[in-house]
Amino acid sequence: MDIYEKTLECPVCGKLIKVPFVKSSAIFVESRDTDLCVYYKGINPLLYDVIVCGECGYAALSKNFGKLTKWDVESLKEKVASKWVKREVPFERTVDDAITLYKLALITATSKRKINKYEVAGILLRISWLYRLSQDKEKELEFQKLALQTYKDAFEHEEGSAEEIDLATVMYLIGELSRRIGEIDEARKWFSRLISSKEARNNPHILELARDQIQAMKDME
C-alpha cells in the first residue's frame, strides 16, 4: 500500500481521527505546470494534503492542521462544528473527493477569528489544480481568479515577514495567474517586480521561472 494510516487528535473537538498519508517512497514527480501544479506517476499526494475531522468538520492543509489559537478554536466551534453533521471521510480519495475536502478546508480557513489570506489563497490555488485534473476548465478559471485576487490582497495588506512567507513565490504566482487568465500587462508588471526585488535573490528557481515567462510572452508578440 502506498498509503498509511496515522491517528491524530482534532484540535477543535479533541476526538482521535484516523488520517491517510502518502508514503514518501511512493511519490514520483512526473512534471510541473508553470503555476507550480505538480503531476505525479501513480498516486497523487495533492489528494491527501488536507486533513478533515469527520466528527466536527474541522479541515486544514496538513502543514496547518495543529496551528490554531484558542480564539480560532472558539470561532470554529461556533461557525463550523455547531452546523456539522458527522460523516465518514474517504480514506482512499478520488479527485472529486479531494475537491470536496479542500472546500471544507476553505470554509475552516475563512471561519477563523483571524483569517490568513495566504492560507486561503493557497487552498484556492490547489482547488484550481484539482479542477484542472478533472478537466473542468470553467471551474479551474473561477478558482484561479479567486486565488489571484486573494494573493494580491494578502501581498498588499497581510502582515507577515519574508521569513514566514515566501514572497518571491507569491509575486511569481500573481504574475503567472494573471497571465493564465489573460491579464498580460498585469503579468509583466508582477514578473518584473519579482525580478527587481530583494526576495528574488533568495529563490533563484522562481527567478528563472519569471524570466522564462517574460521571454515566452515576448515570443508570443
C-alpha atoms as a PDB file:
ATOM      1  CA  MET A   1       0.000   0.000   0.000  1.00  0.00           C
ATOM      2  CA  ASP A   2       1.198   3.498  -0.891  1.00  0.00           C
ATOM      3  CA  ILE A   3      -0.977   4.981   1.858  1.00  0.00           C
ATOM      4  CA  TYR A   4      -0.558   4.544   5.599  1.00  0.00           C
ATOM      5  CA  GLU A   5      -2.818   5.485   8.488  1.00  0.00           C
ATOM      6  CA  LYS A   6      -1.963   7.870  11.295  1.00  0.00           C
ATOM      7  CA  THR A   7      -4.056   8.773  14.342  1.00  0.00           C
ATOM      8  CA  LEU A   8      -4.279  12.474  15.185  1.00  0.00           C
ATOM      9  CA  GLU A   9      -6.181  14.455  17.785  1.00  0.00           C
ATOM     10  CA  CYS A  10      -8.527  17.070  16.358  1.00  0.00           C
ATOM     11  CA  PRO A  11      -7.549  20.463  17.845  1.00  0.00           C
ATOM     12  CA  VAL A  12     -11.176  21.633  17.748  1.00  0.00           C
ATOM     13  CA  CYS A  13     -13.232  18.778  19.216  1.00  0.00           C
ATOM     14  CA  GLY A  14     -10.468  16.653  20.771  1.00  0.00           C
ATOM     15  CA  LYS A  15     -11.569  13.434  19.049  1.00  0.00           C
ATOM     16  CA  LEU A  16      -8.976  10.975  17.736  1.00  0.00           C
ATOM     17  CA  ILE A  17      -9.229  10.665  13.964  1.00  0.00           C
ATOM     18  CA  LYS A  18      -7.609   8.264  11.505  1.00  0.00           C
ATOM     19  CA  VAL A  19      -5.874  10.122   8.690  1.00  0.00           C
ATOM     20  CA  PRO A  20      -4.415   8.771   5.417  1.00  0.00           C
ATOM     21  CA  PHE A  21      -0.892   9.830   4.454  1.00  0.00           C
ATOM     22  CA  VAL A  22       1.039   9.014   1.285  1.00  0.00           C
ATOM     23  CA  LYS A  23       4.355   7.249   1.841  1.00  0.00           C
ATOM     24  CA  SER A  24       7.265   9.382   0.671  1.00  0.00           C
ATOM     25  CA  SER A  25       8.661   6.336  -1.133  1.00  0.00           C
ATOM     26  CA  ALA A  26       5.516   6.282  -3.309  1.00  0.00           C
ATOM     27  CA  ILE A  27       5.849   9.880  -4.541  1.00  0.00           C
ATOM     28  CA  PHE A  28       7.325  10.245  -8.037  1.00  0.00           C
ATOM     29  CA  VAL A  29       7.182  13.638  -9.739  1.00  0.00           C
ATOM     30  CA  GLU A  30       6.431  13.429 -13.459  1.00  0.00           C
ATOM     31  CA  SER A  31       6.149  17.100 -14.489  1.00  0.00           C
ATOM     32  CA  ARG A  32       5.189  20.604 -13.326  1.00  0.00           C
ATOM     33  CA  ASP A  33       2.972  23.298 -14.776  1.00  0.00           C
ATOM     34  CA  THR A  34       4.110  26.912 -14.778  1.00  0.00           C
ATOM     35  CA  ASP A  35       1.706  27.737 -11.922  1.00  0.00           C
ATOM     36  CA  LEU A  36       3.577  25.144  -9.809  1.00  0.00           C
ATOM     37  CA  CYS A  37       0.947  22.395 -10.127  1.00  0.00           C
ATOM     38  CA  VAL A  38       2.806  19.086  -9.893  1.00  0.00           C
ATOM     39  CA  TYR A  39       1.921  15.885 -11.753  1.00  0.00           C
ATOM     40  CA  TYR A  40       2.910  12.523 -10.331  1.00  0.00           C
ATOM     41  CA  LYS A  41       3.406   8.988 -11.563  1.00  0.00           C
ATOM     42  CA  GLY A  42       0.978   6.819  -9.640  1.00  0.00           C
ATOM     43  CA  ILE A  43      -0.622   8.198  -6.505  1.00  0.00           C
ATOM     44  CA  ASN A  44      -1.106  11.972  -6.263  1.00  0.00           C
ATOM     45  CA  PRO A  45      -0.279  13.350  -2.768  1.00  0.00           C
ATOM     46  CA  LEU A  46      -2.275  16.507  -3.535  1.00  0.00           C
ATOM     47  CA  LEU A  47      -5.434  14.454  -2.955  1.00  0.00           C
ATOM     48  CA  TYR A  48      -4.293  13.678   0.593  1.00  0.00           C
ATOM     49  CA  ASP A  49      -2.824  17.008   1.714  1.00  0.00           C
ATOM     50  CA  VAL A  50      -5.972  18.119   3.515  1.00  0.00           C
ATOM     51  CA  ILE A  51      -6.930  16.596   6.872  1.00  0.00           C
ATOM     52  CA  VAL A  52     -10.608  16.524   7.827  1.00  0.00           C
ATOM     53  CA  CYS A  53     -12.224  15.644  11.148  1.00  0.00           C
ATOM     54  CA  GLY A  54     -15.425  13.757  10.390  1.00  0.00           C
ATOM     55  CA  GLU A  55     -16.632  14.428  13.938  1.00  0.00           C
ATOM     56  CA  CYS A  56     -16.723  18.244  13.868  1.00  0.00           C
ATOM     57  CA  GLY A  57     -15.920  19.326  10.294  1.00  0.00           C
ATOM     58  CA  TYR A  58     -12.576  20.954  11.019  1.00  0.00           C
ATOM     59  CA  ALA A  59     -10.369  20.754   7.914  1.00  0.00           C
ATOM     60  CA  ALA A  60      -6.936  22.123   7.065  1.00  0.00           C
ATOM     61  CA  LEU A  61      -3.857  21.525   4.960  1.00  0.00           C
ATOM     62  CA  SER A  62      -1.649  19.006   6.746  1.00  0.00           C
ATOM     63  CA  LYS A  63       1.029  21.648   7.498  1.00  0.00           C
ATOM     64  CA  ASN A  64      -1.565  23.845   9.241  1.00  0.00           C
ATOM     65  CA  PHE A  65      -3.703  21.216  10.980  1.00  0.00           C
ATOM     66  CA  GLY A  66      -2.471  21.829  14.523  1.00  0.00           C
ATOM     67  CA  LYS A  67      -1.871  25.572  14.171  1.00  0.00           C
ATOM     68  CA  LEU A  68      -4.894  27.056  15.917  1.00  0.00           C
ATOM     69  CA  THR A  69      -5.175  29.695  18.609  1.00  0.00           C
ATOM     70  CA  LYS A  70      -7.748  29.275  21.370  1.00  0.00           C
ATOM     71  CA  TRP A  71      -9.722  32.075  19.696  1.00  0.00           C
ATOM     72  CA  ASP A  72      -9.676  30.142  16.402  1.00  0.00           C
ATOM     73  CA  VAL A  73     -10.987  27.063  18.213  1.00  0.00           C
ATOM     74  CA  GLU A  74     -13.850  29.051  19.737  1.00  0.00           C
ATOM     75  CA  SER A  75     -14.723  30.556  16.360  1.00  0.00           C
ATOM     76  CA  LEU A  76     -14.619  27.183  14.581  1.00  0.00           C
ATOM     77  CA  LYS A  77     -16.802  25.531  17.217  1.00  0.00           C
ATOM     78  CA  GLU A  78     -19.383  28.254  16.658  1.00  0.00           C
ATOM     79  CA  LYS A  79     -19.190  28.616  12.864  1.00  0.00           C
ATOM     80  CA  VAL A  80     -18.299  25.093  11.706  1.00  0.00           C
ATOM     81  CA  ALA A  81     -18.746  22.381  14.346  1.00  0.00           C
ATOM     82  CA  SER A  82     -22.182  23.565  15.507  1.00  0.00           C
ATOM     83  CA  LYS A  83     -23.545  23.139  11.958  1.00  0.00           C
ATOM     84  CA  TRP A  84     -21.673  19.972  11.036  1.00  0.00           C
ATOM     85  CA  VAL A  85     -23.317  16.586  10.541  1.00  0.00           C
ATOM     86  CA  LYS A  86     -20.934  13.774  11.484  1.00  0.00           C
ATOM     87  CA  ARG A  87     -19.772  11.776   8.459  1.00  0.00           C
ATOM     88  CA  GLU A  88     -17.113   9.399   7.195  1.00  0.00           C
ATOM     89  CA  VAL A  89     -14.092  10.941   5.477  1.00  0.00           C
ATOM     90  CA  PRO A  90     -12.857   8.880   2.493  1.00  0.00           C
ATOM     91  CA  PHE A  91      -9.577   7.072   3.158  1.00  0.00           C
ATOM     92  CA  GLU A  92      -8.689   6.468  -0.490  1.00  0.00           C
ATOM     93  CA  ARG A  93      -9.589   9.582  -2.441  1.00  0.00           C
ATOM     94  CA  THR A  94     -10.674  10.497  -5.944  1.00  0.00           C
ATOM     95  CA  VAL A  95     -10.194  13.966  -7.432  1.00  0.00           C
ATOM     96  CA  ASP A  96     -13.865  14.720  -6.693  1.00  0.00           C
ATOM     97  CA  ASP A  97     -13.380  13.626  -3.065  1.00  0.00           C
ATOM     98  CA  ALA A  98     -10.381  15.930  -2.789  1.00  0.00           C
ATOM     99  CA  ILE A  99     -12.288  18.901  -4.225  1.00  0.00           C
ATOM    100  CA  THR A 100     -14.966  18.443  -1.550  1.00  0.00           C
ATOM    101  CA  LEU A 101     -12.390  18.168   1.236  1.00  0.00           C
ATOM    102  CA  TYR A 102     -10.395  21.200   0.085  1.00  0.00           C
ATOM    103  CA  LYS A 103     -13.612  23.207   0.042  1.00  0.00           C
ATOM    104  CA  LEU A 104     -14.127  22.178   3.670  1.00  0.00           C
ATOM    105  CA  ALA A 105     -10.605  23.452   4.377  1.00  0.00           C
ATOM    106  CA  LEU A 106     -11.599  26.706   2.678  1.00  0.00           C
ATOM    107  CA  ILE A 107     -14.606  27.011   4.999  1.00  0.00           C
ATOM    108  CA  THR A 108     -12.340  26.441   8.005  1.00  0.00           C
ATOM    109  CA  ALA A 109      -9.720  28.948   6.824  1.00  0.00           C
ATOM    110  CA  THR A 110     -12.348  31.652   6.342  1.00  0.00           C
ATOM    111  CA  SER A 111     -14.052  30.898   9.680  1.00  0.00           C
ATOM    112  CA  LYS A 112     -11.066  31.532  11.933  1.00  0.00           C
ATOM    113  CA  ARG A 113     -11.012  34.514  14.261  1.00  0.00           C
ATOM    114  CA  LYS A 114      -8.087  35.967  12.275  1.00  0.00           C
ATOM    115  CA  ILE A 115      -8.136  34.946   8.615  1.00  0.00           C
ATOM    116  CA  ASN A 116      -4.746  34.271   6.998  1.00  0.00           C
ATOM    117  CA  LYS A 117      -5.214  35.301   3.376  1.00  0.00           C
ATOM    118  CA  TYR A 118      -2.069  33.484   2.262  1.00  0.00           C
ATOM    119  CA  GLU A 119      -3.543  30.257   3.634  1.00  0.00           C
ATOM    120  CA  VAL A 120      -6.855  30.935   1.874  1.00  0.00           C
ATOM    121  CA  ALA A 121      -5.109  31.731  -1.423  1.00  0.00           C
ATOM    122  CA  GLY A 122      -3.094  28.515  -1.243  1.00  0.00           C
ATOM    123  CA  ILE A 123      -6.257  26.456  -0.806  1.00  0.00           C
ATOM    124  CA  LEU A 124      -7.977  28.252  -3.694  1.00  0.00           C
ATOM    125  CA  LEU A 125      -4.965  27.591  -5.932  1.00  0.00           C
ATOM    126  CA  ARG A 126      -4.988  23.891  -5.064  1.00  0.00           C
ATOM    127  CA  ILE A 127      -8.702  23.668  -5.842  1.00  0.00           C
ATOM    128  CA  SER A 128      -7.988  25.170  -9.280  1.00  0.00           C
ATOM    129  CA  TRP A 129      -5.363  22.460  -9.830  1.00  0.00           C
ATOM    130  CA  LEU A 130      -7.877  19.765  -8.886  1.00  0.00           C
ATOM    131  CA  TYR A 131     -10.398  21.135 -11.366  1.00  0.00           C
ATOM    132  CA  ARG A 132      -7.633  21.021 -13.989  1.00  0.00           C
ATOM    133  CA  LEU A 133      -7.137  17.348 -13.193  1.00  0.00           C
ATOM    134  CA  SER A 134     -10.885  16.801 -13.632  1.00  0.00           C
ATOM    135  CA  GLN A 135     -10.756  18.799 -16.914  1.00  0.00           C
ATOM    136  CA  ASP A 136     -13.335  21.341 -15.744  1.00  0.00           C
ATOM    137  CA  LYS A 137     -11.892  24.476 -17.383  1.00  0.00           C
ATOM    138  CA  GLU A 138     -14.700  26.770 -16.228  1.00  0.00           C
ATOM    139  CA  LYS A 139     -14.247  25.895 -12.549  1.00  0.00           C
ATOM    140  CA  GLU A 140     -10.459  25.948 -12.904  1.00  0.00           C
ATOM    141  CA  LEU A 141     -10.639  29.524 -14.214  1.00  0.00           C
ATOM    142  CA  GLU A 142     -13.080  30.525 -11.462  1.00  0.00           C
ATOM    143  CA  PHE A 143     -10.722  29.380  -8.718  1.00  0.00           C
ATOM    144  CA  GLN A 144      -7.650  30.802 -10.465  1.00  0.00           C
ATOM    145  CA  LYS A 145      -9.316  34.222 -10.377  1.00  0.00           C
ATOM    146  CA  LEU A 146     -10.225  33.794  -6.702  1.00  0.00           C
ATOM    147  CA  ALA A 147      -6.681  32.677  -5.847  1.00  0.00           C
ATOM    148  CA  LEU A 148      -5.194  35.594  -7.786  1.00  0.00           C
ATOM    149  CA  GLN A 149      -7.303  38.213  -6.032  1.00  0.00           C
ATOM    150  CA  THR A 150      -6.637  36.683  -2.620  1.00  0.00           C
ATOM    151  CA  TYR A 151      -2.877  36.532  -3.216  1.00  0.00           C
ATOM    152  CA  LYS A 152      -2.953  40.204  -4.253  1.00  0.00           C
ATOM    153  CA  ASP A 153      -4.936  41.181  -1.163  1.00  0.00           C
ATOM    154  CA  ALA A 154      -2.577  39.188   1.042  1.00  0.00           C
ATOM    155  CA  PHE A 155       0.550  40.665  -0.529  1.00  0.00           C
ATOM    156  CA  GLU A 156      -0.670  44.243  -0.228  1.00  0.00           C
ATOM    157  CA  HIS A 157      -2.294  44.049   3.218  1.00  0.00           C
ATOM    158  CA  GLU A 158      -1.333  40.886   5.127  1.00  0.00           C
ATOM    159  CA  GLU A 159       1.186  41.161   7.913  1.00  0.00           C
ATOM    160  CA  GLY A 160       3.985  38.658   7.649  1.00  0.00           C
ATOM    161  CA  SER A 161       7.736  38.737   7.314  1.00  0.00           C
ATOM    162  CA  ALA A 162       9.749  37.329   4.437  1.00  0.00           C
ATOM    163  CA  GLU A 163      10.852  34.547   6.807  1.00  0.00           C
ATOM    164  CA  GLU A 164       7.243  33.456   7.321  1.00  0.00           C
ATOM    165  CA  ILE A 165       6.030  33.916   3.742  1.00  0.00           C
ATOM    166  CA  ASP A 166       7.894  33.102   0.518  1.00  0.00           C
ATOM    167  CA  LEU A 167       7.175  36.478  -1.067  1.00  0.00           C
ATOM    168  CA  ALA A 168       9.108  35.645  -4.236  1.00  0.00           C
ATOM    169  CA  THR A 169       6.806  32.707  -4.921  1.00  0.00           C
ATOM    170  CA  VAL A 170       3.749  34.832  -4.120  1.00  0.00           C
ATOM    171  CA  MET A 171       4.824  37.509  -6.619  1.00  0.00           C
ATOM    172  CA  TYR A 172       5.508  34.825  -9.203  1.00  0.00           C
ATOM    173  CA  LEU A 173       2.095  33.221  -8.701  1.00  0.00           C
ATOM    174  CA  ILE A 174       0.352  36.592  -9.004  1.00  0.00           C
ATOM    175  CA  GLY A 175       2.162  37.128 -12.299  1.00  0.00           C
ATOM    176  CA  GLU A 176       1.515  33.626 -13.594  1.00  0.00           C
ATOM    177  CA  LEU A 177      -2.154  33.531 -12.598  1.00  0.00           C
ATOM    178  CA  SER A 178      -2.592  36.951 -14.231  1.00  0.00           C
ATOM    179  CA  ARG A 179      -1.038  35.545 -17.413  1.00  0.00           C
ATOM    180  CA  ARG A 180      -3.250  32.467 -17.350  1.00  0.00           C
ATOM    181  CA  ILE A 181      -6.465  34.489 -17.131  1.00  0.00           C
ATOM    182  CA  GLY A 182      -5.339  36.793 -19.944  1.00  0.00           C
ATOM    183  CA  GLU A 183      -4.155  39.843 -17.982  1.00  0.00           C
ATOM    184  CA  ILE A 184      -0.819  40.073 -19.810  1.00  0.00           C
ATOM    185  CA  ASP A 185       0.177  43.608 -18.781  1.00  0.00           C
ATOM    186  CA  GLU A 186      -0.515  42.761 -15.151  1.00  0.00           C
ATOM    187  CA  ALA A 187       1.549  39.575 -15.513  1.00  0.00           C
ATOM    188  CA  ARG A 188       4.506  41.534 -16.920  1.00  0.00           C
ATOM    189  CA  LYS A 189       4.265  44.023 -14.064  1.00  0.00           C
ATOM    190  CA  TRP A 190       4.432  41.329 -11.383  1.00  0.00           C
ATOM    191  CA  PHE A 191       7.171  39.299 -13.069  1.00  0.00           C
ATOM    192  CA  SER A 192       9.250  42.488 -13.406  1.00  0.00           C
ATOM    193  CA  ARG A 193       8.521  43.406  -9.801  1.00  0.00           C
ATOM    194  CA  LEU A 194       9.745  39.982  -8.719  1.00  0.00           C
ATOM    195  CA  ILE A 195      12.927  40.136 -10.803  1.00  0.00           C
ATOM    196  CA  SER A 196      13.910  43.504  -9.318  1.00  0.00           C
ATOM    197  CA  SER A 197      13.033  42.507  -5.739  1.00  0.00           C
ATOM    198  CA  LYS A 198      15.466  41.544  -2.985  1.00  0.00           C
ATOM    199  CA  GLU A 199      13.372  38.400  -2.349  1.00  0.00           C
ATOM    200  CA  ALA A 200      14.292  37.044  -5.798  1.00  0.00           C
ATOM    201  CA  ARG A 201      17.929  36.630  -4.759  1.00  0.00           C
ATOM    202  CA  ASN A 202      16.905  34.015  -2.206  1.00  0.00           C
ATOM    203  CA  ASN A 203      14.867  31.992  -4.702  1.00  0.00           C
ATOM    204  CA  PRO A 204      16.833  31.503  -7.955  1.00  0.00           C
ATOM    205  CA  HIS A 205      14.428  28.835  -9.238  1.00  0.00           C
ATOM    206  CA  ILE A 206      11.420  31.165  -9.045  1.00  0.00           C
ATOM    207  CA  LEU A 207      13.509  33.989 -10.526  1.00  0.00           C
ATOM    208  CA  GLU A 208      14.355  31.796 -13.518  1.00  0.00           C
ATOM    209  CA  LEU A 209      10.688  30.848 -13.984  1.00  0.00           C
ATOM    210  CA  ALA A 210       9.715  34.537 -14.047  1.00  0.00           C
ATOM    211  CA  ARG A 211      12.384  35.306 -16.653  1.00  0.00           C
ATOM    212  CA  ASP A 212      11.195  32.366 -18.744  1.00  0.00           C
ATOM    213  CA  GLN A 213       7.613  33.647 -18.662  1.00  0.00           C
ATOM    214  CA  ILE A 214       8.619  37.178 -19.653  1.00  0.00           C
ATOM    215  CA  GLN A 215      10.565  35.765 -22.597  1.00  0.00           C
ATOM    216  CA  ALA A 216       7.651  33.496 -23.560  1.00  0.00           C
ATOM    217  CA  MET A 217       5.289  36.482 -23.612  1.00  0.00           C
ATOM    218  CA  LYS A 218       7.749  38.422 -25.788  1.00  0.00           C
ATOM    219  CA  ASP A 219       7.931  35.485 -28.189  1.00  0.00           C
ATOM    220  CA  MET A 220       4.126  35.497 -28.486  1.00  0.00           C
ATOM    221  CA  GLU A 221       4.014  39.151 -29.591  1.00  0.00           C
END
